[in-house]
C-alpha atoms as a PDB file:
ATOM      1  CA  UNK A   1      35.072 -12.384   7.775  1.00  0.00           C
ATOM      2  CA  UNK A   2      38.100 -12.619   9.972  1.00  0.00           C
ATOM      3  CA  UNK A   3      36.937 -15.787  11.745  1.00  0.00           C
ATOM      4  CA  UNK A   4      35.359 -17.411   8.830  1.00  0.00           C
ATOM      5  CA  UNK A   5      37.878 -17.221   5.928  1.00  0.00           C
ATOM      6  CA  UNK A   6      36.786 -20.471   4.229  1.00  0.00           C
ATOM      7  CA  UNK A   7      33.127 -19.336   4.165  1.00  0.00           C
ATOM      8  CA  UNK A   8      33.926 -15.858   3.059  1.00  0.00           C
ATOM      9  CA  UNK A   9      36.121 -17.117   0.219  1.00  0.00           C
ATOM     10  CA  UNK A  10      33.366 -19.513  -0.929  1.00  0.00           C
ATOM     11  CA  UNK A  11      30.760 -16.718  -0.847  1.00  0.00           C
ATOM     12  CA  UNK A  12      32.907 -14.252  -2.688  1.00  0.00           C
ATOM     13  CA  UNK A  13      33.833 -16.826  -5.372  1.00  0.00           C
ATOM     14  CA  UNK A  14      30.145 -17.477  -5.992  1.00  0.00           C
ATOM     15  CA  UNK A  15      29.344 -13.765  -6.281  1.00  0.00           C
ATOM     16  CA  UNK A  16      32.478 -12.654  -8.282  1.00  0.00           C
ATOM     17  CA  UNK A  17      32.781 -15.773 -10.381  1.00  0.00           C
ATOM     18  CA  UNK A  18      36.502 -16.100  -9.713  1.00  0.00           C
ATOM     19  CA  UNK A  19      38.110 -19.308  -8.451  1.00  0.00           C
ATOM     20  CA  UNK A  20      38.522 -19.929  -4.760  1.00  0.00           C
ATOM     21  CA  UNK A  21      42.264 -19.826  -5.049  1.00  0.00           C
ATOM     22  CA  UNK A  22      42.045 -16.280  -6.537  1.00  0.00           C
ATOM     23  CA  UNK A  23      39.558 -15.268  -3.897  1.00  0.00           C
ATOM     24  CA  UNK A  24      41.798 -16.619  -1.155  1.00  0.00           C
ATOM     25  CA  UNK A  25      44.798 -14.550  -2.367  1.00  0.00           C
ATOM     26  CA  UNK A  26      42.502 -11.508  -2.637  1.00  0.00           C
ATOM     27  CA  UNK A  27      41.174 -12.090   0.890  1.00  0.00           C
ATOM     28  CA  UNK A  28      44.804 -12.192   2.311  1.00  0.00           C
ATOM     29  CA  UNK A  29      45.603  -8.914   0.534  1.00  0.00           C
ATOM     30  CA  UNK A  30      42.614  -6.984   1.688  1.00  0.00           C
ATOM     31  CA  UNK A  31      41.648  -8.385   5.093  1.00  0.00           C
ATOM     32  CA  UNK A  32      43.894  -5.952   6.806  1.00  0.00           C
ATOM     33  CA  UNK A  33      42.074  -3.083   5.400  1.00  0.00           C
ATOM     34  CA  UNK A  34      39.016  -3.852   7.394  1.00  0.00           C
ATOM     35  CA  UNK A  35      38.748  -2.488  10.820  1.00  0.00           C
ATOM     36  CA  UNK A  36      38.103  -5.070  13.642  1.00  0.00           C
ATOM     37  CA  UNK A  37      35.194  -3.101  14.928  1.00  0.00           C
ATOM     38  CA  UNK A  38      33.464  -2.622  11.513  1.00  0.00           C
ATOM     39  CA  UNK A  39      33.675   1.163  11.757  1.00  0.00           C
ATOM     40  CA  UNK A  40      34.862   3.394   9.025  1.00  0.00           C
ATOM     41  CA  UNK A  41      38.332   4.849   9.544  1.00  0.00           C
ATOM     42  CA  UNK A  42      37.918   8.574  10.144  1.00  0.00           C
ATOM     43  CA  UNK A  43      41.265   9.540   8.464  1.00  0.00           C
ATOM     44  CA  UNK A  44      40.290   7.447   5.377  1.00  0.00           C
ATOM     45  CA  UNK A  45      36.945   9.172   5.139  1.00  0.00           C
ATOM     46  CA  UNK A  46      38.472  12.610   5.323  1.00  0.00           C
ATOM     47  CA  UNK A  47      40.825  11.693   2.462  1.00  0.00           C
ATOM     48  CA  UNK A  48      37.851  10.500   0.322  1.00  0.00           C
ATOM     49  CA  UNK A  49      35.892  13.666   1.251  1.00  0.00           C
ATOM     50  CA  UNK A  50      38.781  15.707   0.081  1.00  0.00           C
ATOM     51  CA  UNK A  51      39.367  13.704  -3.033  1.00  0.00           C
ATOM     52  CA  UNK A  52      35.706  13.947  -4.124  1.00  0.00           C
ATOM     53  CA  UNK A  53      36.100  17.656  -4.227  1.00  0.00           C
ATOM     54  CA  UNK A  54      39.523  17.775  -5.754  1.00  0.00           C
ATOM     55  CA  UNK A  55      38.460  15.481  -8.591  1.00  0.00           C
ATOM     56  CA  UNK A  56      35.342  17.661  -9.090  1.00  0.00           C
ATOM     57  CA  UNK A  57      33.073  14.755  -8.766  1.00  0.00           C
ATOM     58  CA  UNK A  58      30.865  16.946  -6.602  1.00  0.00           C
ATOM     59  CA  UNK A  59      30.814  20.711  -5.889  1.00  0.00           C
ATOM     60  CA  UNK A  60      32.881  21.349  -2.767  1.00  0.00           C
ATOM     61  CA  UNK A  61      33.259  18.660  -0.189  1.00  0.00           C
ATOM     62  CA  UNK A  62      30.318  16.240   0.363  1.00  0.00           C
ATOM     63  CA  UNK A  63      28.583  15.544   3.570  1.00  0.00           C
ATOM     64  CA  UNK A  64      30.025  12.233   4.237  1.00  0.00           C
ATOM     65  CA  UNK A  65      27.318  11.384   6.689  1.00  0.00           C
ATOM     66  CA  UNK A  66      24.965  11.058   3.647  1.00  0.00           C
ATOM     67  CA  UNK A  67      27.206   8.446   1.935  1.00  0.00           C
ATOM     68  CA  UNK A  68      27.518   5.772   4.712  1.00  0.00           C
ATOM     69  CA  UNK A  69      26.019   4.628   7.873  1.00  0.00           C
ATOM     70  CA  UNK A  70      27.184   2.887  10.952  1.00  0.00           C
ATOM     71  CA  UNK A  71      23.702   2.738  12.413  1.00  0.00           C
ATOM     72  CA  UNK A  72      23.715  -1.069  12.251  1.00  0.00           C
ATOM     73  CA  UNK A  73      26.778  -1.447  14.542  1.00  0.00           C
ATOM     74  CA  UNK A  74      26.439  -2.023  18.309  1.00  0.00           C
ATOM     75  CA  UNK A  75      26.570   1.148  20.437  1.00  0.00           C
END
């Protein structure tokens, strides 16, 4: 995504049915939230884990390993 902004915007626009100008602004706002190595941020996952329990969406705190995978990433 970082090196192919135009292609990303075009694809997102097709999927989301928003104009490319809207998707371009959205891209600029959120691209910094993605890690460069495509791995999930451990601190953010811990916050989600805690919040799921606090909001009583699940009993206790969930096993986060069951909710996402990084298996497709290079070792």
